[in-house]
């Protein structure tokens, strides 16, 4: 491989925030042999199978969330993973919890491990926020939507986690009760949540 090939590939990486999947790199004119060579000489770091970043960039601060955002564009970070991001739980998720539209096929990726919930159109679309993590746009549900989802899926994650989250939420200064109730209605858990909201008000 020529130095010129490396320079061209590096330029393409920098134009794409320093991180690319193998398939994207190929579409942009970087063949797999160049990726392998750049990795072998230390110019690229392999974050996971099929995902490379420039070695001179800072390590990813949220590697799992970033990889999901790149590999599964429709995914929205939810439940315990979103609670963790919003600092509303003491739990550390072992899988990345993501929501997908109900008619979406399950993504086939090796890493990171995902725990998927499928939502109908309105619950899926409600409360999506876009956060810039490591130069990548990651879609994460708002605090209010995340709490409502935790009550909706309490059989999956445990009611204790949902209750902990709502308590922590009401200790935060910028809470929005109106938005919390709106998300609860969207998820059809407003009656379930009301006693817990009254208890912390």
N, C-alpha and C. Protein backbone atom coordinates (compact mmCIF):
# COMPACT_ATOMS: atom_id res chain seq x y z
N UNK A 1 0.85 -1.20 0.00
CA UNK A 1 0.00 0.00 0.00
C UNK A 1 0.89 1.25 0.00
N UNK A 2 0.53 2.20 -0.80
CA UNK A 2 1.34 3.41 -0.89
C UNK A 2 0.96 4.39 0.20
N UNK A 3 1.90 5.27 0.51
CA UNK A 3 1.63 6.33 1.49
C UNK A 3 0.47 7.19 1.02
N UNK A 4 0.39 7.38 -0.32
CA UNK A 4 -0.69 8.20 -0.88
C UNK A 4 -2.05 7.58 -0.56
N UNK A 5 -2.15 6.24 -0.63
CA UNK A 5 -3.41 5.55 -0.32
C UNK A 5 -3.81 5.81 1.11
N UNK A 6 -2.82 5.77 2.03
CA UNK A 6 -3.10 6.02 3.43
C UNK A 6 -3.58 7.46 3.63
N UNK A 7 -2.93 8.40 2.96
CA UNK A 7 -3.29 9.81 3.11
C UNK A 7 -4.71 10.07 2.63
N UNK A 8 -5.06 9.44 1.48
CA UNK A 8 -6.42 9.61 0.95
C UNK A 8 -7.44 9.02 1.92
N UNK A 9 -7.13 7.82 2.42
CA UNK A 9 -8.04 7.15 3.35
C UNK A 9 -8.19 7.95 4.64
N UNK A 10 -7.09 8.48 5.13
CA UNK A 10 -7.14 9.27 6.37
C UNK A 10 -8.00 10.52 6.17
N UNK A 11 -7.87 11.15 5.02
CA UNK A 11 -8.67 12.34 4.71
C UNK A 11 -10.16 11.99 4.71
N UNK A 12 -10.49 10.85 4.11
CA UNK A 12 -11.89 10.40 4.08
C UNK A 12 -12.41 10.15 5.49
N UNK A 13 -11.57 9.52 6.32
CA UNK A 13 -11.97 9.28 7.71
C UNK A 13 -12.24 10.61 8.42
N UNK A 14 -11.34 11.58 8.24
CA UNK A 14 -11.50 12.86 8.94
C UNK A 14 -12.76 13.59 8.47
N UNK A 15 -13.10 13.43 7.21
CA UNK A 15 -14.33 14.05 6.69
C UNK A 15 -15.58 13.38 7.26
N UNK A 16 -15.40 12.20 7.87
CA UNK A 16 -16.52 11.45 8.44
C UNK A 16 -16.34 11.26 9.95
N UNK A 17 -15.81 12.31 10.60
CA UNK A 17 -15.67 12.36 12.06
C UNK A 17 -14.73 11.31 12.62
N UNK A 18 -13.87 10.76 11.73
CA UNK A 18 -12.81 9.87 12.20
C UNK A 18 -13.23 8.45 12.47
N UNK A 19 -14.48 8.09 12.15
CA UNK A 19 -14.95 6.74 12.44
C UNK A 19 -15.83 6.25 11.29
N UNK A 20 -15.56 5.01 10.84
CA UNK A 20 -16.30 4.45 9.71
C UNK A 20 -16.50 2.96 9.88
N UNK A 21 -17.62 2.47 9.38
CA UNK A 21 -17.82 1.04 9.24
C UNK A 21 -17.14 0.58 7.95
N UNK A 22 -16.81 -0.69 7.88
CA UNK A 22 -16.13 -1.23 6.70
C UNK A 22 -16.94 -0.97 5.44
N UNK A 23 -18.25 -1.22 5.51
CA UNK A 23 -19.10 -1.03 4.34
C UNK A 23 -19.13 0.41 3.87
N UNK A 24 -19.18 1.34 4.82
CA UNK A 24 -19.18 2.77 4.47
C UNK A 24 -17.85 3.16 3.85
N UNK A 25 -16.77 2.65 4.43
CA UNK A 25 -15.44 2.95 3.91
C UNK A 25 -15.31 2.50 2.45
N UNK A 26 -15.82 1.31 2.15
CA UNK A 26 -15.76 0.79 0.77
C UNK A 26 -16.51 1.71 -0.19
N UNK A 27 -17.71 2.14 0.23
CA UNK A 27 -18.50 3.04 -0.62
C UNK A 27 -17.78 4.35 -0.89
N UNK A 28 -16.93 4.77 0.07
CA UNK A 28 -16.21 6.02 -0.07
C UNK A 28 -14.85 5.85 -0.75
N UNK A 29 -14.56 4.62 -1.17
CA UNK A 29 -13.34 4.38 -1.94
C UNK A 29 -12.17 3.80 -1.18
N UNK A 30 -12.39 3.35 0.06
CA UNK A 30 -11.31 2.72 0.83
C UNK A 30 -11.56 1.22 0.85
N UNK A 31 -10.69 0.45 0.19
CA UNK A 31 -10.94 -0.99 0.19
C UNK A 31 -10.47 -1.63 1.51
N UNK A 32 -10.91 -2.85 1.73
CA UNK A 32 -10.67 -3.50 3.02
C UNK A 32 -9.18 -3.72 3.27
N UNK A 33 -8.42 -3.97 2.21
CA UNK A 33 -6.98 -4.19 2.37
C UNK A 33 -6.29 -2.96 2.97
N UNK A 34 -6.73 -1.77 2.56
CA UNK A 34 -6.16 -0.54 3.11
C UNK A 34 -6.51 -0.41 4.58
N UNK A 35 -7.75 -0.74 4.94
CA UNK A 35 -8.16 -0.70 6.35
C UNK A 35 -7.28 -1.62 7.20
N UNK A 36 -7.08 -2.82 6.69
CA UNK A 36 -6.27 -3.81 7.42
C UNK A 36 -4.84 -3.31 7.59
N UNK A 37 -4.27 -2.76 6.51
CA UNK A 37 -2.90 -2.23 6.57
C UNK A 37 -2.78 -1.05 7.53
N UNK A 38 -3.74 -0.15 7.46
CA UNK A 38 -3.72 1.02 8.34
C UNK A 38 -3.85 0.58 9.80
N UNK A 39 -4.64 -0.44 10.04
CA UNK A 39 -4.79 -0.98 11.40
C UNK A 39 -3.48 -1.62 11.85
N UNK A 40 -2.84 -2.35 10.95
CA UNK A 40 -1.61 -3.08 11.32
C UNK A 40 -0.45 -2.15 11.64
N UNK A 41 -0.44 -0.95 11.02
CA UNK A 41 0.65 -0.01 11.30
C UNK A 41 0.25 1.02 12.36
N UNK A 42 -0.95 0.86 12.93
CA UNK A 42 -1.34 1.72 14.05
C UNK A 42 -2.03 3.02 13.68
N UNK A 43 -2.42 3.18 12.42
CA UNK A 43 -3.13 4.41 12.02
C UNK A 43 -4.62 4.34 12.38
N UNK A 44 -5.15 3.11 12.43
CA UNK A 44 -6.55 2.91 12.77
C UNK A 44 -6.67 2.00 13.99
N UNK A 45 -7.71 2.21 14.76
CA UNK A 45 -8.05 1.32 15.88
C UNK A 45 -9.36 0.64 15.52
N UNK A 46 -9.40 -0.66 15.73
CA UNK A 46 -10.61 -1.43 15.46
C UNK A 46 -11.46 -1.42 16.71
N UNK A 47 -12.55 -0.65 16.69
CA UNK A 47 -13.43 -0.54 17.85
C UNK A 47 -14.21 -1.83 18.06
N UNK A 48 -14.63 -2.44 16.99
CA UNK A 48 -15.32 -3.73 17.03
C UNK A 48 -15.29 -4.27 15.61
N UNK A 49 -15.89 -5.43 15.43
CA UNK A 49 -15.89 -6.01 14.10
C UNK A 49 -16.53 -5.05 13.09
N UNK A 50 -15.75 -4.65 12.10
CA UNK A 50 -16.27 -3.80 11.04
C UNK A 50 -16.39 -2.33 11.38
N UNK A 51 -15.77 -1.89 12.48
CA UNK A 51 -15.85 -0.48 12.86
C UNK A 51 -14.46 0.03 13.23
N UNK A 52 -13.99 1.04 12.49
CA UNK A 52 -12.64 1.58 12.69
C UNK A 52 -12.70 3.06 13.01
N UNK A 53 -11.71 3.51 13.81
CA UNK A 53 -11.56 4.96 14.03
C UNK A 53 -10.08 5.31 13.93
N UNK A 54 -9.81 6.57 13.63
CA UNK A 54 -8.43 7.04 13.55
C UNK A 54 -7.78 6.96 14.92
N UNK A 55 -6.56 6.45 14.95
CA UNK A 55 -5.86 6.20 16.21
C UNK A 55 -5.52 7.49 16.95
N UNK A 56 -5.39 8.60 16.23
CA UNK A 56 -4.98 9.84 16.92
C UNK A 56 -6.18 10.58 17.53
N UNK A 57 -7.37 10.02 17.40
CA UNK A 57 -8.53 10.62 18.06
C UNK A 57 -8.62 10.10 19.48
N UNK A 58 -9.27 10.87 20.33
CA UNK A 58 -9.47 10.42 21.71
C UNK A 58 -10.32 9.17 21.72
N UNK A 59 -10.09 8.26 22.68
CA UNK A 59 -10.95 7.07 22.78
C UNK A 59 -12.40 7.48 22.93
N UNK A 60 -13.30 6.66 22.40
CA UNK A 60 -14.72 6.97 22.50
C UNK A 60 -15.15 6.96 23.95
N UNK A 61 -15.88 8.00 24.36
CA UNK A 61 -16.34 8.07 25.75
C UNK A 61 -17.59 7.23 25.97
N UNK A 62 -18.35 7.02 24.89
CA UNK A 62 -19.56 6.19 24.95
C UNK A 62 -19.54 5.20 23.79
N UNK A 63 -18.56 4.28 23.78
CA UNK A 63 -18.36 3.45 22.59
C UNK A 63 -19.58 2.62 22.20
N UNK A 64 -20.28 2.05 23.18
CA UNK A 64 -21.42 1.19 22.83
C UNK A 64 -22.55 1.99 22.19
N UNK A 65 -22.85 3.17 22.77
CA UNK A 65 -23.94 3.98 22.22
C UNK A 65 -23.57 4.50 20.83
N UNK A 66 -22.33 4.88 20.65
CA UNK A 66 -21.87 5.38 19.35
C UNK A 66 -21.95 4.27 18.30
N UNK A 67 -21.52 3.08 18.66
CA UNK A 67 -21.55 1.97 17.71
C UNK A 67 -22.98 1.62 17.31
N UNK A 68 -23.89 1.63 18.26
CA UNK A 68 -25.30 1.37 17.94
C UNK A 68 -25.82 2.44 16.98
N UNK A 69 -25.49 3.70 17.25
CA UNK A 69 -25.97 4.80 16.39
C UNK A 69 -25.46 4.64 14.96
N UNK A 70 -24.23 4.17 14.82
CA UNK A 70 -23.65 4.00 13.49
C UNK A 70 -24.21 2.75 12.80
N UNK A 71 -24.33 1.67 13.55
CA UNK A 71 -24.71 0.39 12.94
C UNK A 71 -26.22 0.22 12.77
N UNK A 72 -27.01 0.85 13.65
CA UNK A 72 -28.47 0.68 13.62
C UNK A 72 -29.12 2.07 13.64
N UNK A 73 -29.19 2.74 12.49
CA UNK A 73 -29.64 4.14 12.45
C UNK A 73 -31.03 4.39 13.03
N UNK A 74 -31.93 3.42 12.98
CA UNK A 74 -33.29 3.63 13.52
C UNK A 74 -33.36 3.43 15.03
N UNK A 75 -32.31 2.94 15.63
CA UNK A 75 -32.33 2.63 17.07
C UNK A 75 -32.40 3.91 17.90
N UNK A 76 -33.18 3.85 18.97
CA UNK A 76 -33.23 4.93 19.96
C UNK A 76 -32.84 4.31 21.30
N UNK A 77 -31.85 4.89 21.95
CA UNK A 77 -31.40 4.37 23.25
C UNK A 77 -32.53 4.55 24.26
N UNK A 78 -32.84 3.49 25.00
CA UNK A 78 -34.00 3.54 25.90
C UNK A 78 -33.73 2.80 27.21
N UNK A 79 -34.76 2.77 28.05
CA UNK A 79 -34.77 2.01 29.30
C UNK A 79 -33.50 2.23 30.12
N UNK A 80 -32.86 1.16 30.59
CA UNK A 80 -31.74 1.33 31.54
C UNK A 80 -30.58 2.09 30.90
N UNK A 81 -30.34 1.87 29.61
CA UNK A 81 -29.24 2.59 28.94
C UNK A 81 -29.50 4.09 28.92
N UNK A 82 -30.75 4.48 28.66
CA UNK A 82 -31.10 5.91 28.68
C UNK A 82 -31.09 6.46 30.10
N UNK A 83 -31.57 5.66 31.07
CA UNK A 83 -31.51 6.09 32.47
C UNK A 83 -30.06 6.35 32.87
N UNK A 84 -29.18 5.46 32.46
CA UNK A 84 -27.77 5.59 32.78
C UNK A 84 -27.20 6.87 32.17
N UNK A 85 -27.55 7.14 30.93
CA UNK A 85 -27.07 8.36 30.26
C UNK A 85 -27.58 9.61 31.00
N UNK A 86 -28.84 9.58 31.42
CA UNK A 86 -29.44 10.75 32.09
C UNK A 86 -29.14 10.78 33.60
N UNK A 87 -28.34 9.84 34.07
CA UNK A 87 -27.97 9.76 35.49
C UNK A 87 -29.21 9.63 36.39
N UNK A 88 -30.07 8.70 35.99
CA UNK A 88 -31.30 8.45 36.74
C UNK A 88 -31.33 7.04 37.31
N UNK A 89 -30.19 6.39 37.39
CA UNK A 89 -30.15 5.04 37.92
C UNK A 89 -28.76 4.73 38.46
N UNK A 90 -28.72 3.76 39.37
CA UNK A 90 -27.43 3.24 39.84
C UNK A 90 -27.08 1.96 39.09
N UNK A 91 -27.99 1.53 38.21
CA UNK A 91 -27.77 0.30 37.45
C UNK A 91 -26.77 0.54 36.31
N UNK A 92 -25.96 -0.46 36.05
CA UNK A 92 -25.07 -0.41 34.89
C UNK A 92 -25.53 -1.49 33.91
N UNK A 93 -26.06 -1.08 32.76
CA UNK A 93 -26.60 -2.07 31.83
C UNK A 93 -25.51 -2.92 31.18
N UNK A 94 -25.77 -4.22 31.09
CA UNK A 94 -24.82 -5.12 30.43
C UNK A 94 -25.06 -5.18 28.93
N UNK A 95 -26.30 -4.91 28.53
CA UNK A 95 -26.64 -4.78 27.11
C UNK A 95 -27.03 -3.34 26.85
N UNK A 96 -27.05 -2.96 25.58
CA UNK A 96 -27.56 -1.64 25.22
C UNK A 96 -29.06 -1.80 24.92
N UNK A 97 -29.88 -1.09 25.68
CA UNK A 97 -31.32 -1.15 25.46
C UNK A 97 -31.70 -0.18 24.36
N UNK A 98 -32.37 -0.69 23.33
CA UNK A 98 -32.76 0.17 22.21
C UNK A 98 -34.21 -0.10 21.84
N UNK A 99 -34.85 0.94 21.32
CA UNK A 99 -36.21 0.83 20.78
C UNK A 99 -36.14 0.92 19.27
N UNK A 100 -36.98 0.13 18.62
CA UNK A 100 -37.08 0.15 17.16
C UNK A 100 -38.56 0.17 16.78
N UNK A 101 -38.88 0.70 15.59
CA UNK A 101 -40.27 0.63 15.13
C UNK A 101 -40.72 -0.83 15.03
N UNK A 102 -41.99 -1.03 15.27
CA UNK A 102 -42.52 -2.40 15.37
C UNK A 102 -42.27 -3.23 14.12
N UNK A 103 -42.27 -2.63 12.94
CA UNK A 103 -42.13 -3.40 11.70
C UNK A 103 -40.68 -3.57 11.26
N UNK A 104 -39.73 -3.24 12.13
CA UNK A 104 -38.31 -3.32 11.78
C UNK A 104 -37.76 -4.73 12.03
N UNK A 105 -36.97 -5.24 11.10
CA UNK A 105 -36.31 -6.53 11.32
C UNK A 105 -35.22 -6.37 12.37
N UNK A 106 -35.01 -7.42 13.14
CA UNK A 106 -33.96 -7.38 14.16
C UNK A 106 -32.60 -7.21 13.48
N UNK A 107 -31.81 -6.22 13.91
CA UNK A 107 -30.49 -6.02 13.30
C UNK A 107 -29.56 -7.18 13.61
N UNK A 108 -28.71 -7.50 12.66
CA UNK A 108 -27.76 -8.59 12.85
C UNK A 108 -26.37 -8.00 13.07
N UNK A 109 -26.05 -7.72 14.31
CA UNK A 109 -24.72 -7.23 14.63
C UNK A 109 -24.16 -8.05 15.79
N UNK A 110 -22.85 -8.23 15.78
CA UNK A 110 -22.20 -9.05 16.80
C UNK A 110 -21.96 -8.27 18.09
N UNK A 111 -21.70 -6.98 17.95
CA UNK A 111 -21.33 -6.19 19.12
C UNK A 111 -21.72 -4.74 18.88
N UNK A 112 -22.15 -4.04 19.90
CA UNK A 112 -22.39 -4.47 21.28
C UNK A 112 -23.70 -5.26 21.40
N UNK A 113 -23.83 -6.05 22.49
CA UNK A 113 -25.08 -6.80 22.66
C UNK A 113 -26.24 -5.86 22.92
N UNK A 114 -27.38 -6.16 22.28
CA UNK A 114 -28.55 -5.28 22.40
C UNK A 114 -29.72 -6.01 23.05
N UNK A 115 -30.53 -5.23 23.74
CA UNK A 115 -31.82 -5.70 24.25
C UNK A 115 -32.85 -4.80 23.58
N UNK A 116 -33.68 -5.37 22.70
CA UNK A 116 -34.55 -4.56 21.84
C UNK A 116 -36.00 -4.60 22.31
N UNK A 117 -36.63 -3.43 22.32
CA UNK A 117 -38.08 -3.37 22.46
C UNK A 117 -38.63 -2.75 21.18
N UNK A 118 -39.79 -3.25 20.76
CA UNK A 118 -40.43 -2.76 19.54
C UNK A 118 -41.65 -1.94 19.92
N UNK A 119 -41.73 -0.73 19.34
CA UNK A 119 -42.80 0.20 19.69
C UNK A 119 -43.61 0.57 18.44
N UNK A 120 -44.89 0.83 18.66
CA UNK A 120 -45.72 1.33 17.57
C UNK A 120 -45.34 2.78 17.28
N UNK A 121 -45.91 3.34 16.25
CA UNK A 121 -45.42 4.60 15.68
C UNK A 121 -45.31 5.76 16.67
N UNK A 122 -46.41 6.06 17.38
CA UNK A 122 -46.38 7.23 18.27
C UNK A 122 -45.46 7.03 19.47
N UNK A 123 -45.55 5.91 20.20
CA UNK A 123 -44.61 5.71 21.30
C UNK A 123 -43.14 5.69 20.85
N UNK A 124 -42.90 5.17 19.66
CA UNK A 124 -41.52 5.16 19.14
C UNK A 124 -41.03 6.58 18.88
N UNK A 125 -41.87 7.40 18.26
CA UNK A 125 -41.45 8.73 17.82
C UNK A 125 -41.43 9.78 18.93
N UNK A 126 -42.10 9.51 20.04
CA UNK A 126 -42.23 10.50 21.12
C UNK A 126 -40.96 10.58 21.97
N UNK A 127 -40.50 11.79 22.21
CA UNK A 127 -39.42 12.01 23.17
C UNK A 127 -38.01 11.72 22.69
N UNK A 128 -37.83 11.62 21.38
CA UNK A 128 -36.48 11.36 20.86
C UNK A 128 -35.64 12.64 20.93
N UNK A 129 -34.48 12.54 21.55
CA UNK A 129 -33.51 13.64 21.58
C UNK A 129 -32.26 13.19 20.82
N UNK A 130 -31.58 14.14 20.23
CA UNK A 130 -30.32 13.84 19.54
C UNK A 130 -29.18 14.45 20.33
N UNK A 131 -28.25 13.59 20.73
CA UNK A 131 -27.08 14.02 21.50
C UNK A 131 -25.82 13.72 20.70
N UNK A 132 -24.90 14.67 20.70
CA UNK A 132 -23.64 14.49 19.99
C UNK A 132 -22.64 13.83 20.93
N UNK A 133 -22.30 12.58 20.67
CA UNK A 133 -21.34 11.83 21.48
C UNK A 133 -20.18 11.42 20.60
N UNK A 134 -18.99 11.84 20.96
CA UNK A 134 -17.79 11.50 20.20
C UNK A 134 -17.93 11.86 18.72
N UNK A 135 -18.61 12.98 18.46
CA UNK A 135 -18.77 13.44 17.08
C UNK A 135 -19.84 12.72 16.29
N UNK A 136 -20.59 11.84 16.94
CA UNK A 136 -21.65 11.07 16.27
C UNK A 136 -22.99 11.43 16.90
N UNK A 137 -24.02 11.60 16.08
CA UNK A 137 -25.36 11.89 16.59
C UNK A 137 -25.99 10.60 17.09
N UNK A 138 -26.32 10.58 18.38
CA UNK A 138 -26.93 9.41 19.00
C UNK A 138 -28.33 9.78 19.46
N UNK A 139 -29.31 8.98 19.07
CA UNK A 139 -30.69 9.25 19.44
C UNK A 139 -31.01 8.55 20.76
N UNK A 140 -31.45 9.35 21.73
CA UNK A 140 -31.73 8.85 23.09
C UNK A 140 -33.07 9.42 23.52
N UNK A 141 -33.89 8.60 24.16
CA UNK A 141 -35.16 9.14 24.66
C UNK A 141 -34.91 10.13 25.79
N UNK A 142 -35.78 11.13 25.86
CA UNK A 142 -35.72 12.14 26.92
C UNK A 142 -35.90 11.47 28.28
N UNK A 143 -35.57 12.19 29.32
CA UNK A 143 -35.73 11.65 30.67
C UNK A 143 -37.19 11.25 30.92
N UNK A 144 -38.11 12.12 30.50
CA UNK A 144 -39.53 11.88 30.75
C UNK A 144 -40.04 10.64 30.01
N UNK A 145 -39.65 10.52 28.74
CA UNK A 145 -40.08 9.36 27.96
C UNK A 145 -39.44 8.08 28.50
N UNK A 146 -38.20 8.18 28.93
CA UNK A 146 -37.49 7.02 29.47
C UNK A 146 -38.18 6.51 30.72
N UNK A 147 -38.58 7.42 31.60
CA UNK A 147 -39.27 6.99 32.83
C UNK A 147 -40.60 6.33 32.50
N UNK A 148 -41.36 6.93 31.58
CA UNK A 148 -42.62 6.31 31.17
C UNK A 148 -42.38 4.92 30.59
N UNK A 149 -41.35 4.79 29.77
CA UNK A 149 -41.02 3.48 29.18
C UNK A 149 -40.67 2.47 30.27
N UNK A 150 -39.99 2.93 31.30
CA UNK A 150 -39.60 2.01 32.39
C UNK A 150 -40.83 1.46 33.10
N UNK A 151 -41.85 2.29 33.26
CA UNK A 151 -43.10 1.78 33.84
C UNK A 151 -43.82 0.86 32.85
N UNK A 152 -43.76 1.22 31.57
CA UNK A 152 -44.40 0.39 30.54
C UNK A 152 -43.77 -1.00 30.49
N UNK A 153 -42.45 -1.03 30.63
CA UNK A 153 -41.73 -2.31 30.52
C UNK A 153 -41.19 -2.77 31.88
N UNK A 154 -41.96 -2.49 32.95
CA UNK A 154 -41.45 -2.84 34.27
C UNK A 154 -41.28 -4.36 34.45
N UNK A 155 -42.05 -5.15 33.69
CA UNK A 155 -41.88 -6.61 33.77
C UNK A 155 -40.54 -7.04 33.18
N UNK A 156 -40.01 -6.22 32.31
CA UNK A 156 -38.73 -6.53 31.66
C UNK A 156 -37.54 -6.09 32.52
N UNK A 157 -37.64 -4.90 33.11
CA UNK A 157 -36.47 -4.35 33.81
C UNK A 157 -36.61 -4.33 35.33
N UNK A 158 -37.85 -4.48 35.81
CA UNK A 158 -38.08 -4.45 37.26
C UNK A 158 -38.70 -3.13 37.70
N UNK A 159 -39.77 -3.24 38.49
CA UNK A 159 -40.46 -2.03 38.98
C UNK A 159 -39.55 -1.20 39.88
N UNK A 160 -38.62 -1.84 40.57
CA UNK A 160 -37.72 -1.10 41.47
C UNK A 160 -36.88 -0.09 40.71
N UNK A 161 -36.49 -0.43 39.48
CA UNK A 161 -35.69 0.49 38.66
C UNK A 161 -36.54 1.68 38.22
N UNK A 162 -37.80 1.42 37.85
CA UNK A 162 -38.69 2.51 37.45
C UNK A 162 -38.95 3.46 38.62
N UNK A 163 -39.16 2.90 39.80
CA UNK A 163 -39.44 3.74 40.99
C UNK A 163 -38.20 4.55 41.37
N UNK A 164 -37.02 3.93 41.31
CA UNK A 164 -35.78 4.65 41.59
C UNK A 164 -35.61 5.82 40.63
N UNK A 165 -35.93 5.58 39.35
CA UNK A 165 -35.76 6.61 38.33
C UNK A 165 -36.68 7.80 38.58
N UNK A 166 -37.94 7.54 38.92
CA UNK A 166 -38.87 8.66 39.12
C UNK A 166 -38.50 9.45 40.37
N UNK A 167 -37.98 8.79 41.39
CA UNK A 167 -37.51 9.50 42.59
C UNK A 167 -36.32 10.39 42.25
N UNK A 168 -35.37 9.82 41.51
CA UNK A 168 -34.17 10.60 41.12
C UNK A 168 -34.55 11.78 40.23
N UNK A 169 -35.52 11.55 39.34
CA UNK A 169 -35.96 12.60 38.43
C UNK A 169 -36.48 13.81 39.21
N UNK A 170 -37.27 13.57 40.23
CA UNK A 170 -37.86 14.68 40.98
C UNK A 170 -36.86 15.36 41.92
N UNK A 171 -35.66 14.80 42.03
CA UNK A 171 -34.59 15.50 42.75
C UNK A 171 -33.78 16.41 41.81
N UNK A 172 -34.01 16.27 40.49
CA UNK A 172 -33.31 17.12 39.54
C UNK A 172 -34.03 18.46 39.41
N UNK A 173 -33.29 19.55 39.25
CA UNK A 173 -33.90 20.89 39.28
C UNK A 173 -34.77 21.23 38.08
N UNK A 174 -34.49 20.66 36.92
CA UNK A 174 -35.20 21.07 35.70
C UNK A 174 -36.24 20.05 35.25
N UNK A 175 -36.95 19.47 36.21
CA UNK A 175 -37.97 18.49 35.87
C UNK A 175 -39.16 19.17 35.19
N UNK A 176 -39.90 18.38 34.42
CA UNK A 176 -41.03 18.92 33.65
C UNK A 176 -42.21 17.96 33.83
N UNK A 177 -43.05 18.26 34.82
CA UNK A 177 -44.16 17.37 35.16
C UNK A 177 -45.13 17.22 33.99
N UNK A 178 -45.39 18.31 33.28
CA UNK A 178 -46.31 18.26 32.15
C UNK A 178 -45.82 17.30 31.08
N UNK A 179 -44.54 17.35 30.78
CA UNK A 179 -43.96 16.46 29.76
C UNK A 179 -43.95 15.01 30.25
N UNK A 180 -43.69 14.83 31.54
CA UNK A 180 -43.70 13.48 32.11
C UNK A 180 -45.09 12.86 31.97
N UNK A 181 -46.11 13.64 32.28
CA UNK A 181 -47.49 13.13 32.17
C UNK A 181 -47.88 12.88 30.72
N UNK A 182 -47.39 13.73 29.81
CA UNK A 182 -47.68 13.52 28.38
C UNK A 182 -47.09 12.20 27.91
N UNK A 183 -45.84 11.94 28.28
CA UNK A 183 -45.18 10.69 27.88
C UNK A 183 -45.87 9.48 28.53
N UNK A 184 -46.33 9.67 29.77
CA UNK A 184 -47.05 8.59 30.45
C UNK A 184 -48.33 8.25 29.70
N UNK A 185 -49.03 9.28 29.19
CA UNK A 185 -50.27 9.03 28.44
C UNK A 185 -49.96 8.33 27.12
N UNK A 186 -48.89 8.76 26.45
CA UNK A 186 -48.50 8.11 25.19
C UNK A 186 -48.24 6.62 25.41
N UNK A 187 -47.58 6.31 26.52
CA UNK A 187 -47.26 4.91 26.83
C UNK A 187 -48.40 4.18 27.56
N UNK A 188 -49.48 4.92 27.84
CA UNK A 188 -50.65 4.36 28.52
C UNK A 188 -50.30 3.82 29.91
N UNK A 189 -49.46 4.55 30.60
CA UNK A 189 -49.09 4.16 31.97
C UNK A 189 -49.37 5.30 32.96
N UNK A 190 -50.18 6.27 32.54
CA UNK A 190 -50.42 7.43 33.40
C UNK A 190 -51.10 7.02 34.72
N UNK A 191 -52.04 6.09 34.67
CA UNK A 191 -52.71 5.64 35.89
C UNK A 191 -51.75 4.86 36.79
N UNK A 192 -50.87 4.09 36.17
CA UNK A 192 -49.88 3.33 36.94
C UNK A 192 -48.90 4.26 37.64
N UNK A 193 -48.52 5.35 36.95
CA UNK A 193 -47.49 6.25 37.49
C UNK A 193 -48.03 7.25 38.51
N UNK A 194 -49.31 7.56 38.44
CA UNK A 194 -49.85 8.63 39.29
C UNK A 194 -49.54 8.48 40.79
N UNK A 195 -49.73 7.28 41.37
CA UNK A 195 -49.42 7.16 42.82
C UNK A 195 -47.96 7.45 43.14
N UNK A 196 -47.05 7.07 42.23
CA UNK A 196 -45.62 7.30 42.46
C UNK A 196 -45.27 8.77 42.31
N UNK A 197 -45.93 9.44 41.35
CA UNK A 197 -45.71 10.88 41.17
C UNK A 197 -46.21 11.64 42.41
N UNK A 198 -47.41 11.27 42.90
CA UNK A 198 -47.95 11.93 44.08
C UNK A 198 -47.05 11.71 45.29
N UNK A 199 -46.45 10.55 45.38
CA UNK A 199 -45.61 10.21 46.53
C UNK A 199 -44.34 11.05 46.58
N UNK A 200 -43.86 11.49 45.41
CA UNK A 200 -42.58 12.23 45.39
C UNK A 200 -42.79 13.73 45.27
N UNK A 201 -44.00 14.17 45.00
CA UNK A 201 -44.25 15.62 44.89
C UNK A 201 -44.28 16.28 46.28
